[in-house]
Structures are given as structure tokens and as C-alpha cells.
Amino acid sequence: MKVKYAKALTIASIMILMFTMSATAQDEDLPDPGITPDSPFYGIDKAMESIQGVFNSGNEQKSRYGLNIAEERIAEAKAMAEKGNYQLSEEMSNEYEKQIENTIETGNSISDSAQRGDIQGIIANATTRHQLILEKVRNDLPKTAQEAINNSLKASSRGREKSLKSLGDTNPAKAAKIRFEFANNRINSIKGNASKEKLVNERVREYANEMNNTQELIKKSNTENMNVTALEEKVANATSKHLTVLKNVHDKVPEPAKDAIKHAMNVSVRGHKKALENLQDKNPEKAEMIKKNIPDFAKSKNTTENTSNKTSPDMDKNNS
């Protein structure tokens, strides 16, 4: 009897320790993974997650808990990649993606539109953060470990796109803001990595995609009478800086890489012009002030029309 009691007490102590580690041991980016998949106690950890999940009632609470579990999985994928256990890292990435998909689906089932939009926004912001964290982690790992992180990045990127699509249906203004902030991040990455052709190409494509989506979401927000004036002002102001960065990089990269940058510049010009048009109706004085900041090279007809003729057909087709 005493032996059984001692075993029960030991298991209880382990469970308490697990919850304490999960709740308190966090780094600045992702939650501390605590007990990782390579531990003999990992099965107990997963069992406790399932038990705790049973006590969540309502789709909002279930979504919040599901996102916490997804963050555990991506933290575990990161930890396994850093340890060199790439198979477990990939498995955790797959589990993360499934968990994010389930969390998005649960969030979309919330009946109250305001609560649904809040949860969708939380998920979209979280998956964006996951992507940025993993990019940083990848840069700090040896090349042999980077492929495992790439799997996690792809899962995070797909989850982000799905969450933003859901948010765009519920609250396009909030989705536009998240998209635009990410576009700003991509520009900063382009500026800081101008000598890395492959990375610049990737970031330029992402920037163009984010800006196109931002413009569509702003248009939808205006149609639904949402107030996006502040965001339009930010877009109009920031795209002037974006164009300067893109022009500087364009002048440095090899010829094969120039078309993608020209396309991104055209997307940026269109976004700038559309934001100014909308601002002209709402705040003409502000619009006139912003007009003065547009770079001279972007004012020419050649920049906005002739360069678009050199853009790859696939890219124009995707953004028409």
C-alpha cells in the first residue's frame, strides 16, 4: 500500500513540476518547451494536455488553449532542431500545423462576431510572430539544422495565411494592419540583406504579396464602412521609404533578380497612389503633405508603366 502511495505521489509531483515549468519557464520568444519529445516523460506531458483540454468550455476558451498547445509544439520543433534531432523536429512541425488548423477552425465557429474577430486576430498575430522567431533561429543554426527549421517555417507560414484569410472575412481592417506591418518587416529584411540575392528574392516576393493583400483588405474595409484612414496614411507615408529601399537594392542586384524588384516597386507605387486617393477625400491637407515625400524616380511614368511590362506574367496574373 505504501509503495502504491509513493508511486502516486511521485507521478503527482512530476505533473505539478511539468505545469510549473510550462507556466513559468519562458524565454523572450517562444514558451519554454519544458519536457521535450525526446524525454521518457513526454507521453505524460501530452496526456496532461489532453486532460486539461477537456475542462475548456466554449469555442473561445478552446481556441485560446489550442493556440497555447500550438506554441508548445513549435517550441518543441525548435528545441529538437537545435539538438540535431531533425526527425522529431519535423514531427513537431507537422503537429503544430494540425493544431493551428484545428484552432483556426474552432475560432471560426465562435458565434459572436466581435469575439471571433478578436480570436482570429490573436491567432494571426501569433503565427506571424512564430514565423519571425523561426527565421531568426534559422539564421543562428548550422546549415545541417536549417532544413528542419524550414519545415517549421513552412508550417507557420501556411497557418498564418489561413488565419489571416479567416480574419479578413471577419475584420478586414485588422487583417490589413497585420499584413502591412509584415510588409514593413520584409522591407527591413531586404535592406539589411541586400547582398544575399536568394534571400532578397524571397523577401521581395513576400513584400509584394503582403502589400497586394493590404490594398485589397483596405478596399474591403472601406466598402464595409470601417475606419482605415490612419492605416491609409501609414501606407502612403511608408511606401515612399519602401520605394527608396527597393530602388537601392534594384541597382545592386544581378540582372536576373531585377524583375521581381521592379514588380514589388510597382505594387508599392499602386498602394501609395490608392492610399493617397482615399486620403484626398478624407484629409486633403495630409494627402498633399505626403505627396511631397514620394521619391522623384517614382513620379515618372516610366517607373509605374514601363517596368511593369518587364514583370513576369505569372506575378502579374497572381495579383490581377
C-alpha atoms as a PDB file:
ATOM      1  CA  MET A   1       0.000   0.000   0.000  1.00  0.00           C
ATOM      2  CA  LYS A   2       2.837   2.355   0.918  1.00  0.00           C
ATOM      3  CA  VAL A   3       4.586   1.554  -2.375  1.00  0.00           C
ATOM      4  CA  LYS A   4       1.455   2.404  -4.384  1.00  0.00           C
ATOM      5  CA  TYR A   5       1.047   5.622  -2.427  1.00  0.00           C
ATOM      6  CA  ALA A   6       4.686   6.542  -3.058  1.00  0.00           C
ATOM      7  CA  LYS A   7       4.284   5.912  -6.801  1.00  0.00           C
ATOM      8  CA  ALA A   8       1.132   8.013  -6.929  1.00  0.00           C
ATOM      9  CA  LEU A   9       2.860  10.805  -5.050  1.00  0.00           C
ATOM     10  CA  THR A  10       5.826  10.675  -7.420  1.00  0.00           C
ATOM     11  CA  ILE A  11       3.599  10.892 -10.511  1.00  0.00           C
ATOM     12  CA  ALA A  12       1.651  13.769  -8.970  1.00  0.00           C
ATOM     13  CA  SER A  13       4.889  15.590  -8.203  1.00  0.00           C
ATOM     14  CA  ILE A  14       6.076  15.153 -11.784  1.00  0.00           C
ATOM     15  CA  MET A  15       2.786  16.520 -13.110  1.00  0.00           C
ATOM     16  CA  ILE A  16       2.930  19.542 -10.819  1.00  0.00           C
ATOM     17  CA  LEU A  17       6.514  20.171 -11.895  1.00  0.00           C
ATOM     18  CA  MET A  18       5.506  19.952 -15.541  1.00  0.00           C
ATOM     19  CA  PHE A  19       2.756  22.527 -15.135  1.00  0.00           C
ATOM     20  CA  THR A  20       5.078  24.816 -13.187  1.00  0.00           C
ATOM     21  CA  MET A  21       7.715  24.606 -15.905  1.00  0.00           C
ATOM     22  CA  SER A  22       5.156  25.249 -18.617  1.00  0.00           C
ATOM     23  CA  ALA A  23       3.660  28.238 -16.825  1.00  0.00           C
ATOM     24  CA  THR A  24       6.792  29.977 -15.590  1.00  0.00           C
ATOM     25  CA  ALA A  25       9.805  28.983 -17.673  1.00  0.00           C
ATOM     26  CA  GLN A  26       9.569  31.159 -20.766  1.00  0.00           C
ATOM     27  CA  ASP A  27      12.186  32.787 -22.934  1.00  0.00           C
ATOM     28  CA  GLU A  28      11.655  36.078 -24.702  1.00  0.00           C
ATOM     29  CA  ASP A  29      10.332  34.443 -27.868  1.00  0.00           C
ATOM     30  CA  LEU A  30       8.512  31.130 -27.520  1.00  0.00           C
ATOM     31  CA  PRO A  31       7.367  29.314 -24.399  1.00  0.00           C
ATOM     32  CA  ASP A  32       9.966  27.035 -22.865  1.00  0.00           C
ATOM     33  CA  PRO A  33       9.201  23.592 -24.320  1.00  0.00           C
ATOM     34  CA  GLY A  34       9.591  22.033 -20.873  1.00  0.00           C
ATOM     35  CA  ILE A  35       9.558  18.270 -21.308  1.00  0.00           C
ATOM     36  CA  THR A  36      10.605  17.670 -24.913  1.00  0.00           C
ATOM     37  CA  PRO A  37       9.654  14.810 -27.277  1.00  0.00           C
ATOM     38  CA  ASP A  38      12.959  13.023 -26.656  1.00  0.00           C
ATOM     39  CA  SER A  39      12.164  12.679 -22.935  1.00  0.00           C
ATOM     40  CA  PRO A  40      10.689   9.479 -21.420  1.00  0.00           C
ATOM     41  CA  PHE A  41       8.176  11.716 -19.622  1.00  0.00           C
ATOM     42  CA  TYR A  42       6.843  13.281 -22.825  1.00  0.00           C
ATOM     43  CA  GLY A  43       3.912  10.878 -23.002  1.00  0.00           C
ATOM     44  CA  ILE A  44       2.768  12.041 -19.563  1.00  0.00           C
ATOM     45  CA  ASP A  45       3.098  15.643 -20.708  1.00  0.00           C
ATOM     46  CA  LYS A  46       0.840  15.019 -23.727  1.00  0.00           C
ATOM     47  CA  ALA A  47      -1.662  13.123 -21.587  1.00  0.00           C
ATOM     48  CA  MET A  48      -1.912  16.043 -19.183  1.00  0.00           C
ATOM     49  CA  GLU A  49      -2.518  18.419 -22.098  1.00  0.00           C
ATOM     50  CA  SER A  50      -5.440  16.278 -23.209  1.00  0.00           C
ATOM     51  CA  ILE A  51      -6.878  16.140 -19.703  1.00  0.00           C
ATOM     52  CA  GLN A  52      -6.577  19.892 -19.260  1.00  0.00           C
ATOM     53  CA  GLY A  53      -8.204  20.443 -22.650  1.00  0.00           C
ATOM     54  CA  VAL A  54     -11.338  18.624 -21.514  1.00  0.00           C
ATOM     55  CA  PHE A  55     -12.012  21.351 -18.947  1.00  0.00           C
ATOM     56  CA  ASN A  56     -12.166  24.129 -21.560  1.00  0.00           C
ATOM     57  CA  SER A  57     -15.722  25.138 -22.351  1.00  0.00           C
ATOM     58  CA  GLY A  58     -16.841  27.265 -25.273  1.00  0.00           C
ATOM     59  CA  ASN A  59     -15.064  27.826 -28.569  1.00  0.00           C
ATOM     60  CA  GLU A  60     -13.278  30.971 -27.415  1.00  0.00           C
ATOM     61  CA  GLN A  61     -11.642  29.222 -24.455  1.00  0.00           C
ATOM     62  CA  LYS A  62     -10.870  26.176 -26.593  1.00  0.00           C
ATOM     63  CA  SER A  63      -9.227  28.399 -29.224  1.00  0.00           C
ATOM     64  CA  ARG A  64      -7.016  30.118 -26.675  1.00  0.00           C
ATOM     65  CA  TYR A  65      -5.958  26.786 -25.214  1.00  0.00           C
ATOM     66  CA  GLY A  66      -5.388  25.334 -28.683  1.00  0.00           C
ATOM     67  CA  LEU A  67      -3.085  28.217 -29.554  1.00  0.00           C
ATOM     68  CA  ASN A  68      -1.094  27.599 -26.362  1.00  0.00           C
ATOM     69  CA  ILE A  69      -0.652  23.961 -27.383  1.00  0.00           C
ATOM     70  CA  ALA A  70       0.399  25.014 -30.889  1.00  0.00           C
ATOM     71  CA  GLU A  71       3.054  27.269 -29.366  1.00  0.00           C
ATOM     72  CA  GLU A  72       4.280  24.316 -27.297  1.00  0.00           C
ATOM     73  CA  ARG A  73       4.625  22.249 -30.478  1.00  0.00           C
ATOM     74  CA  ILE A  74       6.566  24.916 -32.376  1.00  0.00           C
ATOM     75  CA  ALA A  75       8.810  25.456 -29.343  1.00  0.00           C
ATOM     76  CA  GLU A  76       9.438  21.699 -29.268  1.00  0.00           C
ATOM     77  CA  ALA A  77      10.219  21.690 -33.000  1.00  0.00           C
ATOM     78  CA  LYS A  78      12.726  24.488 -32.418  1.00  0.00           C
ATOM     79  CA  ALA A  79      14.301  22.659 -29.461  1.00  0.00           C
ATOM     80  CA  MET A  80      14.649  19.413 -31.417  1.00  0.00           C
ATOM     81  CA  ALA A  81      16.257  21.204 -34.368  1.00  0.00           C
ATOM     82  CA  GLU A  82      18.746  22.841 -32.021  1.00  0.00           C
ATOM     83  CA  LYS A  83      19.554  19.416 -30.545  1.00  0.00           C
ATOM     84  CA  GLY A  84      20.062  17.948 -34.003  1.00  0.00           C
ATOM     85  CA  ASN A  85      17.068  15.610 -33.778  1.00  0.00           C
ATOM     86  CA  TYR A  86      15.610  16.569 -37.148  1.00  0.00           C
ATOM     87  CA  GLN A  87      13.066  13.755 -37.379  1.00  0.00           C
ATOM     88  CA  LEU A  88      11.383  14.772 -34.127  1.00  0.00           C
ATOM     89  CA  SER A  89      11.600  18.408 -35.182  1.00  0.00           C
ATOM     90  CA  GLU A  90       9.691  17.627 -38.367  1.00  0.00           C
ATOM     91  CA  GLU A  91       7.105  15.608 -36.433  1.00  0.00           C
ATOM     92  CA  MET A  92       6.530  18.532 -34.069  1.00  0.00           C
ATOM     93  CA  SER A  93       6.209  20.900 -37.037  1.00  0.00           C
ATOM     94  CA  ASN A  94       3.506  18.668 -38.502  1.00  0.00           C
ATOM     95  CA  GLU A  95       1.702  18.550 -35.165  1.00  0.00           C
ATOM     96  CA  TYR A  96       1.967  22.327 -34.897  1.00  0.00           C
ATOM     97  CA  GLU A  97       0.331  22.801 -38.290  1.00  0.00           C
ATOM     98  CA  LYS A  98      -2.516  20.427 -37.434  1.00  0.00           C
ATOM     99  CA  GLN A  99      -3.026  22.170 -34.093  1.00  0.00           C
ATOM    100  CA  ILE A 100      -3.114  25.609 -35.751  1.00  0.00           C
ATOM    101  CA  GLU A 101      -5.647  24.369 -38.309  1.00  0.00           C
ATOM    102  CA  ASN A 102      -7.872  22.988 -35.544  1.00  0.00           C
ATOM    103  CA  THR A 103      -7.516  26.205 -33.554  1.00  0.00           C
ATOM    104  CA  ILE A 104      -8.474  28.332 -36.573  1.00  0.00           C
ATOM    105  CA  GLU A 105     -11.483  26.111 -37.239  1.00  0.00           C
ATOM    106  CA  THR A 106     -12.594  26.378 -33.606  1.00  0.00           C
ATOM    107  CA  GLY A 107     -12.115  30.156 -33.656  1.00  0.00           C
ATOM    108  CA  ASN A 108     -14.170  30.450 -36.837  1.00  0.00           C
ATOM    109  CA  SER A 109     -17.022  28.673 -35.044  1.00  0.00           C
ATOM    110  CA  ILE A 110     -17.406  31.414 -32.406  1.00  0.00           C
ATOM    111  CA  SER A 111     -20.882  32.852 -32.943  1.00  0.00           C
ATOM    112  CA  ASP A 112     -20.221  36.364 -31.635  1.00  0.00           C
ATOM    113  CA  SER A 113     -18.517  38.283 -34.467  1.00  0.00           C
ATOM    114  CA  ALA A 114     -16.535  40.585 -32.143  1.00  0.00           C
ATOM    115  CA  GLN A 115     -15.166  37.657 -30.126  1.00  0.00           C
ATOM    116  CA  ARG A 116     -14.496  35.734 -33.326  1.00  0.00           C
ATOM    117  CA  GLY A 117     -12.527  38.667 -34.750  1.00  0.00           C
ATOM    118  CA  ASP A 118     -10.539  39.008 -31.518  1.00  0.00           C
ATOM    119  CA  ILE A 119      -9.532  35.339 -31.535  1.00  0.00           C
ATOM    120  CA  GLN A 120      -8.726  35.357 -35.245  1.00  0.00           C
ATOM    121  CA  GLY A 121      -6.549  38.418 -34.681  1.00  0.00           C
ATOM    122  CA  ILE A 122      -4.728  36.727 -31.800  1.00  0.00           C
ATOM    123  CA  ILE A 123      -4.049  33.649 -33.956  1.00  0.00           C
ATOM    124  CA  ALA A 124      -2.890  35.749 -36.926  1.00  0.00           C
ATOM    125  CA  ASN A 125      -0.534  37.785 -34.746  1.00  0.00           C
ATOM    126  CA  ALA A 126       0.788  34.628 -33.065  1.00  0.00           C
ATOM    127  CA  THR A 127       1.536  32.803 -36.321  1.00  0.00           C
ATOM    128  CA  THR A 128       3.242  35.935 -37.663  1.00  0.00           C
ATOM    129  CA  ARG A 129       5.371  36.063 -34.523  1.00  0.00           C
ATOM    130  CA  HIS A 130       6.195  32.361 -34.863  1.00  0.00           C
ATOM    131  CA  GLN A 131       7.409  32.940 -38.407  1.00  0.00           C
ATOM    132  CA  LEU A 132       9.669  35.828 -37.410  1.00  0.00           C
ATOM    133  CA  ILE A 133      11.111  33.871 -34.481  1.00  0.00           C
ATOM    134  CA  LEU A 134      11.862  30.834 -36.633  1.00  0.00           C
ATOM    135  CA  GLU A 135      13.574  32.980 -39.259  1.00  0.00           C
ATOM    136  CA  LYS A 136      15.842  34.354 -36.565  1.00  0.00           C
ATOM    137  CA  VAL A 137      16.522  30.863 -35.180  1.00  0.00           C
ATOM    138  CA  ARG A 138      17.332  29.513 -38.643  1.00  0.00           C
ATOM    139  CA  ASN A 139      19.989  32.159 -39.175  1.00  0.00           C
ATOM    140  CA  ASP A 140      21.717  31.099 -35.936  1.00  0.00           C
ATOM    141  CA  LEU A 141      21.832  27.371 -36.766  1.00  0.00           C
ATOM    142  CA  PRO A 142      24.341  25.432 -38.881  1.00  0.00           C
ATOM    143  CA  LYS A 143      23.189  24.597 -42.407  1.00  0.00           C
ATOM    144  CA  THR A 144      22.586  20.957 -41.482  1.00  0.00           C
ATOM    145  CA  ALA A 145      19.937  22.059 -38.976  1.00  0.00           C
ATOM    146  CA  GLN A 146      18.305  24.726 -41.113  1.00  0.00           C
ATOM    147  CA  GLU A 147      16.192  22.299 -43.144  1.00  0.00           C
ATOM    148  CA  ALA A 148      14.336  21.204 -40.006  1.00  0.00           C
ATOM    149  CA  ILE A 149      13.561  24.837 -39.196  1.00  0.00           C
ATOM    150  CA  ASN A 150      12.484  25.378 -42.806  1.00  0.00           C
ATOM    151  CA  ASN A 151       9.794  22.735 -42.278  1.00  0.00           C
ATOM    152  CA  SER A 152       8.578  24.611 -39.215  1.00  0.00           C
ATOM    153  CA  LEU A 153       8.662  27.885 -41.143  1.00  0.00           C
ATOM    154  CA  LYS A 154       6.548  26.464 -43.948  1.00  0.00           C
ATOM    155  CA  ALA A 155       4.017  25.163 -41.432  1.00  0.00           C
ATOM    156  CA  SER A 156       3.933  28.527 -39.684  1.00  0.00           C
ATOM    157  CA  SER A 157       3.558  30.412 -42.969  1.00  0.00           C
ATOM    158  CA  ARG A 158       0.648  28.228 -44.089  1.00  0.00           C
ATOM    159  CA  GLY A 159      -1.013  28.639 -40.702  1.00  0.00           C
ATOM    160  CA  ARG A 160      -0.540  32.398 -40.903  1.00  0.00           C
ATOM    161  CA  GLU A 161      -2.157  32.597 -44.344  1.00  0.00           C
ATOM    162  CA  LYS A 162      -5.158  30.571 -43.206  1.00  0.00           C
ATOM    163  CA  SER A 163      -5.624  32.644 -40.062  1.00  0.00           C
ATOM    164  CA  LEU A 164      -5.371  35.922 -41.993  1.00  0.00           C
ATOM    165  CA  LYS A 165      -7.889  34.701 -44.556  1.00  0.00           C
ATOM    166  CA  SER A 166     -10.353  33.990 -41.746  1.00  0.00           C
ATOM    167  CA  LEU A 167      -9.635  37.344 -40.104  1.00  0.00           C
ATOM    168  CA  GLY A 168     -10.028  39.122 -43.446  1.00  0.00           C
ATOM    169  CA  ASP A 169     -13.585  37.796 -43.694  1.00  0.00           C
ATOM    170  CA  THR A 170     -14.478  38.960 -40.180  1.00  0.00           C
ATOM    171  CA  ASN A 171     -12.388  42.112 -39.725  1.00  0.00           C
ATOM    172  CA  PRO A 172     -10.549  43.173 -42.899  1.00  0.00           C
ATOM    173  CA  ALA A 173      -9.207  46.333 -41.234  1.00  0.00           C
ATOM    174  CA  LYS A 174      -7.391  44.312 -38.573  1.00  0.00           C
ATOM    175  CA  ALA A 175      -6.088  41.860 -41.178  1.00  0.00           C
ATOM    176  CA  ALA A 176      -4.832  44.767 -43.314  1.00  0.00           C
ATOM    177  CA  LYS A 177      -2.903  46.191 -40.370  1.00  0.00           C
ATOM    178  CA  ILE A 178      -1.181  42.850 -39.695  1.00  0.00           C
ATOM    179  CA  ARG A 179      -0.359  42.435 -43.388  1.00  0.00           C
ATOM    180  CA  PHE A 180       1.101  45.930 -43.628  1.00  0.00           C
ATOM    181  CA  GLU A 181       3.250  45.502 -40.516  1.00  0.00           C
ATOM    182  CA  PHE A 182       4.667  42.314 -42.016  1.00  0.00           C
ATOM    183  CA  ALA A 183       5.366  44.138 -45.290  1.00  0.00           C
ATOM    184  CA  ASN A 184       7.360  46.673 -43.277  1.00  0.00           C
ATOM    185  CA  ASN A 185       9.320  43.822 -41.725  1.00  0.00           C
ATOM    186  CA  ARG A 186      10.086  42.393 -45.165  1.00  0.00           C
ATOM    187  CA  ILE A 187      11.406  45.781 -46.334  1.00  0.00           C
ATOM    188  CA  ASN A 188      13.702  45.978 -43.307  1.00  0.00           C
ATOM    189  CA  SER A 189      14.949  42.475 -44.073  1.00  0.00           C
ATOM    190  CA  ILE A 190      15.580  43.427 -47.714  1.00  0.00           C
ATOM    191  CA  LYS A 191      17.524  46.489 -46.619  1.00  0.00           C
ATOM    192  CA  GLY A 192      19.620  44.507 -44.134  1.00  0.00           C
ATOM    193  CA  ASN A 193      20.400  41.634 -46.515  1.00  0.00           C
ATOM    194  CA  ALA A 194      20.910  43.422 -49.830  1.00  0.00           C
ATOM    195  CA  SER A 195      23.958  41.291 -50.668  1.00  0.00           C
ATOM    196  CA  LYS A 196      22.086  37.980 -50.270  1.00  0.00           C
ATOM    197  CA  GLU A 197      20.399  37.514 -53.639  1.00  0.00           C
ATOM    198  CA  LYS A 198      18.341  34.422 -52.800  1.00  0.00           C
ATOM    199  CA  LEU A 199      17.008  35.878 -49.550  1.00  0.00           C
ATOM    200  CA  VAL A 200      16.275  39.234 -51.191  1.00  0.00           C
ATOM    201  CA  ASN A 201      14.237  37.499 -53.917  1.00  0.00           C
ATOM    202  CA  GLU A 202      12.243  35.650 -51.279  1.00  0.00           C
ATOM    203  CA  ARG A 203      11.623  38.790 -49.234  1.00  0.00           C
ATOM    204  CA  VAL A 204      10.682  40.847 -52.289  1.00  0.00           C
ATOM    205  CA  ARG A 205       8.039  38.299 -53.293  1.00  0.00           C
ATOM    206  CA  GLU A 206       6.684  38.264 -49.762  1.00  0.00           C
ATOM    207  CA  TYR A 207       6.617  42.062 -49.653  1.00  0.00           C
ATOM    208  CA  ALA A 208       4.658  42.274 -52.913  1.00  0.00           C
ATOM    209  CA  ASN A 209       2.190  39.661 -51.661  1.00  0.00           C
ATOM    210  CA  GLU A 210       1.658  41.434 -48.334  1.00  0.00           C
ATOM    211  CA  MET A 211       1.180  44.836 -49.983  1.00  0.00           C
ATOM    212  CA  ASN A 212      -1.277  43.462 -52.539  1.00  0.00           C
ATOM    213  CA  ASN A 213      -3.272  41.842 -49.755  1.00  0.00           C
ATOM    214  CA  THR A 214      -3.106  45.035 -47.688  1.00  0.00           C
ATOM    215  CA  GLN A 215      -4.579  47.026 -50.576  1.00  0.00           C
ATOM    216  CA  GLU A 216      -7.383  44.518 -51.123  1.00  0.00           C
ATOM    217  CA  LEU A 217      -8.229  44.455 -47.425  1.00  0.00           C
ATOM    218  CA  ILE A 218      -8.247  48.260 -47.190  1.00  0.00           C
ATOM    219  CA  LYS A 219     -10.599  48.341 -50.174  1.00  0.00           C
ATOM    220  CA  LYS A 220     -12.866  45.801 -48.491  1.00  0.00           C
ATOM    221  CA  SER A 221     -12.740  47.762 -45.224  1.00  0.00           C
ATOM    222  CA  ASN A 222     -13.842  50.939 -46.991  1.00  0.00           C
ATOM    223  CA  THR A 223     -16.675  49.039 -48.671  1.00  0.00           C
ATOM    224  CA  GLU A 224     -17.811  47.857 -45.231  1.00  0.00           C
ATOM    225  CA  ASN A 225     -17.528  51.418 -43.840  1.00  0.00           C
ATOM    226  CA  MET A 226     -14.660  50.575 -41.493  1.00  0.00           C
ATOM    227  CA  ASN A 227     -12.372  53.422 -40.489  1.00  0.00           C
ATOM    228  CA  VAL A 228      -8.949  52.741 -42.012  1.00  0.00           C
ATOM    229  CA  THR A 229      -7.850  56.357 -42.502  1.00  0.00           C
ATOM    230  CA  ALA A 230      -4.929  56.004 -40.070  1.00  0.00           C
ATOM    231  CA  LEU A 231      -3.738  52.875 -41.872  1.00  0.00           C
ATOM    232  CA  GLU A 232      -4.060  54.537 -45.283  1.00  0.00           C
ATOM    233  CA  GLU A 233      -1.914  57.397 -44.005  1.00  0.00           C
ATOM    234  CA  LYS A 234       0.709  54.915 -42.781  1.00  0.00           C
ATOM    235  CA  VAL A 235       0.697  53.122 -46.134  1.00  0.00           C
ATOM    236  CA  ALA A 236       1.066  56.375 -48.076  1.00  0.00           C
ATOM    237  CA  ASN A 237       3.932  57.546 -45.867  1.00  0.00           C
ATOM    238  CA  ALA A 238       5.764  54.229 -45.590  1.00  0.00           C
ATOM    239  CA  THR A 239       5.635  53.274 -49.259  1.00  0.00           C
ATOM    240  CA  SER A 240       7.799  56.302 -50.065  1.00  0.00           C
ATOM    241  CA  LYS A 241      10.502  54.762 -47.858  1.00  0.00           C
ATOM    242  CA  HIS A 242       9.806  51.299 -49.263  1.00  0.00           C
ATOM    243  CA  LEU A 243      10.422  52.559 -52.797  1.00  0.00           C
ATOM    244  CA  THR A 244      13.758  54.073 -51.832  1.00  0.00           C
ATOM    245  CA  VAL A 245      14.921  50.772 -50.305  1.00  0.00           C
ATOM    246  CA  LEU A 246      13.737  48.768 -53.307  1.00  0.00           C
ATOM    247  CA  LYS A 247      15.394  51.163 -55.765  1.00  0.00           C
ATOM    248  CA  ASN A 248      18.724  50.951 -53.904  1.00  0.00           C
ATOM    249  CA  VAL A 249      18.607  47.144 -53.873  1.00  0.00           C
ATOM    250  CA  HIS A 250      17.496  47.049 -57.518  1.00  0.00           C
ATOM    251  CA  ASP A 251      20.617  48.957 -58.517  1.00  0.00           C
ATOM    252  CA  LYS A 252      22.882  46.438 -56.741  1.00  0.00           C
ATOM    253  CA  VAL A 253      21.470  43.006 -57.619  1.00  0.00           C
ATOM    254  CA  PRO A 254      22.312  40.984 -60.764  1.00  0.00           C
ATOM    255  CA  GLU A 255      20.071  41.428 -63.811  1.00  0.00           C
ATOM    256  CA  PRO A 256      18.010  38.212 -63.306  1.00  0.00           C
ATOM    257  CA  ALA A 257      16.886  39.461 -59.885  1.00  0.00           C
ATOM    258  CA  LYS A 258      15.765  42.893 -61.061  1.00  0.00           C
ATOM    259  CA  ASP A 259      12.332  41.928 -62.444  1.00  0.00           C
ATOM    260  CA  ALA A 260      10.986  40.787 -59.087  1.00  0.00           C
ATOM    261  CA  ILE A 261      12.121  44.052 -57.502  1.00  0.00           C
ATOM    262  CA  LYS A 262      10.542  46.094 -60.310  1.00  0.00           C
ATOM    263  CA  HIS A 263       7.300  44.238 -59.704  1.00  0.00           C
ATOM    264  CA  ALA A 264       7.464  44.999 -55.979  1.00  0.00           C
ATOM    265  CA  MET A 265       8.127  48.660 -56.777  1.00  0.00           C
ATOM    266  CA  ASN A 266       5.043  48.777 -58.992  1.00  0.00           C
ATOM    267  CA  VAL A 267       2.967  47.189 -56.237  1.00  0.00           C
ATOM    268  CA  SER A 268       4.302  49.785 -53.816  1.00  0.00           C
ATOM    269  CA  VAL A 269       3.517  52.666 -56.197  1.00  0.00           C
ATOM    270  CA  ARG A 270      -0.029  51.393 -56.694  1.00  0.00           C
ATOM    271  CA  GLY A 271      -0.505  51.122 -52.950  1.00  0.00           C
ATOM    272  CA  HIS A 272       0.855  54.618 -52.440  1.00  0.00           C
ATOM    273  CA  LYS A 273      -1.398  56.118 -55.123  1.00  0.00           C
ATOM    274  CA  LYS A 274      -4.521  54.353 -53.894  1.00  0.00           C
ATOM    275  CA  ALA A 275      -3.901  55.354 -50.289  1.00  0.00           C
ATOM    276  CA  LEU A 276      -3.386  58.957 -51.417  1.00  0.00           C
ATOM    277  CA  GLU A 277      -6.602  58.906 -53.442  1.00  0.00           C
ATOM    278  CA  ASN A 278      -8.547  57.768 -50.397  1.00  0.00           C
ATOM    279  CA  LEU A 279      -6.805  60.304 -48.158  1.00  0.00           C
ATOM    280  CA  GLN A 280      -7.521  63.093 -50.639  1.00  0.00           C
ATOM    281  CA  ASP A 281     -11.225  62.660 -49.926  1.00  0.00           C
ATOM    282  CA  LYS A 282     -10.814  62.328 -46.163  1.00  0.00           C
ATOM    283  CA  ASN A 283      -7.888  64.636 -45.367  1.00  0.00           C
ATOM    284  CA  PRO A 284      -6.702  66.634 -48.406  1.00  0.00           C
ATOM    285  CA  GLU A 285      -4.093  68.632 -46.470  1.00  0.00           C
ATOM    286  CA  LYS A 286      -2.434  65.467 -45.186  1.00  0.00           C
ATOM    287  CA  ALA A 287      -2.524  63.954 -48.675  1.00  0.00           C
ATOM    288  CA  GLU A 288      -0.757  66.986 -50.158  1.00  0.00           C
ATOM    289  CA  MET A 289       1.966  66.810 -47.500  1.00  0.00           C
ATOM    290  CA  ILE A 290       2.587  63.121 -48.197  1.00  0.00           C
ATOM    291  CA  LYS A 291       2.769  63.713 -51.957  1.00  0.00           C
ATOM    292  CA  LYS A 292       5.874  65.822 -51.458  1.00  0.00           C
ATOM    293  CA  ASN A 293       7.738  62.862 -49.945  1.00  0.00           C
ATOM    294  CA  ILE A 294       7.404  60.489 -52.893  1.00  0.00           C
ATOM    295  CA  PRO A 295      10.864  59.874 -54.444  1.00  0.00           C
ATOM    296  CA  ASP A 296      11.408  61.651 -57.772  1.00  0.00           C
ATOM    297  CA  PHE A 297      12.165  58.408 -59.616  1.00  0.00           C
ATOM    298  CA  ALA A 298       8.749  57.035 -58.591  1.00  0.00           C
ATOM    299  CA  LYS A 299       6.916  60.029 -60.030  1.00  0.00           C
ATOM    300  CA  SER A 300       7.932  59.224 -63.580  1.00  0.00           C
ATOM    301  CA  LYS A 301       5.600  57.452 -65.930  1.00  0.00           C
ATOM    302  CA  ASN A 302       8.434  55.062 -66.780  1.00  0.00           C
ATOM    303  CA  THR A 303       8.599  53.688 -63.231  1.00  0.00           C
ATOM    304  CA  THR A 304       4.952  52.724 -62.976  1.00  0.00           C
ATOM    305  CA  GLU A 305       4.249  51.591 -66.520  1.00  0.00           C
ATOM    306  CA  ASN A 306       7.324  50.560 -68.485  1.00  0.00           C
ATOM    307  CA  THR A 307       8.800  48.461 -65.673  1.00  0.00           C
ATOM    308  CA  SER A 308       5.528  46.574 -65.264  1.00  0.00           C
ATOM    309  CA  ASN A 309       5.910  45.345 -68.843  1.00  0.00           C
ATOM    310  CA  LYS A 310       9.081  43.566 -67.751  1.00  0.00           C
ATOM    311  CA  THR A 311       7.378  41.853 -64.846  1.00  0.00           C
ATOM    312  CA  SER A 312       6.906  38.119 -65.119  1.00  0.00           C
ATOM    313  CA  PRO A 313       3.432  37.155 -66.430  1.00  0.00           C
ATOM    314  CA  ASP A 314       2.863  34.785 -63.525  1.00  0.00           C
ATOM    315  CA  MET A 315       3.378  37.526 -60.959  1.00  0.00           C
ATOM    316  CA  ASP A 316       1.016  39.921 -62.730  1.00  0.00           C
ATOM    317  CA  LYS A 317      -1.544  37.155 -63.117  1.00  0.00           C
ATOM    318  CA  ASN A 318      -1.379  36.342 -59.414  1.00  0.00           C
ATOM    319  CA  ASN A 319      -2.016  39.951 -58.488  1.00  0.00           C
ATOM    320  CA  SER A 320      -4.611  40.959 -61.059  1.00  0.00           C
END
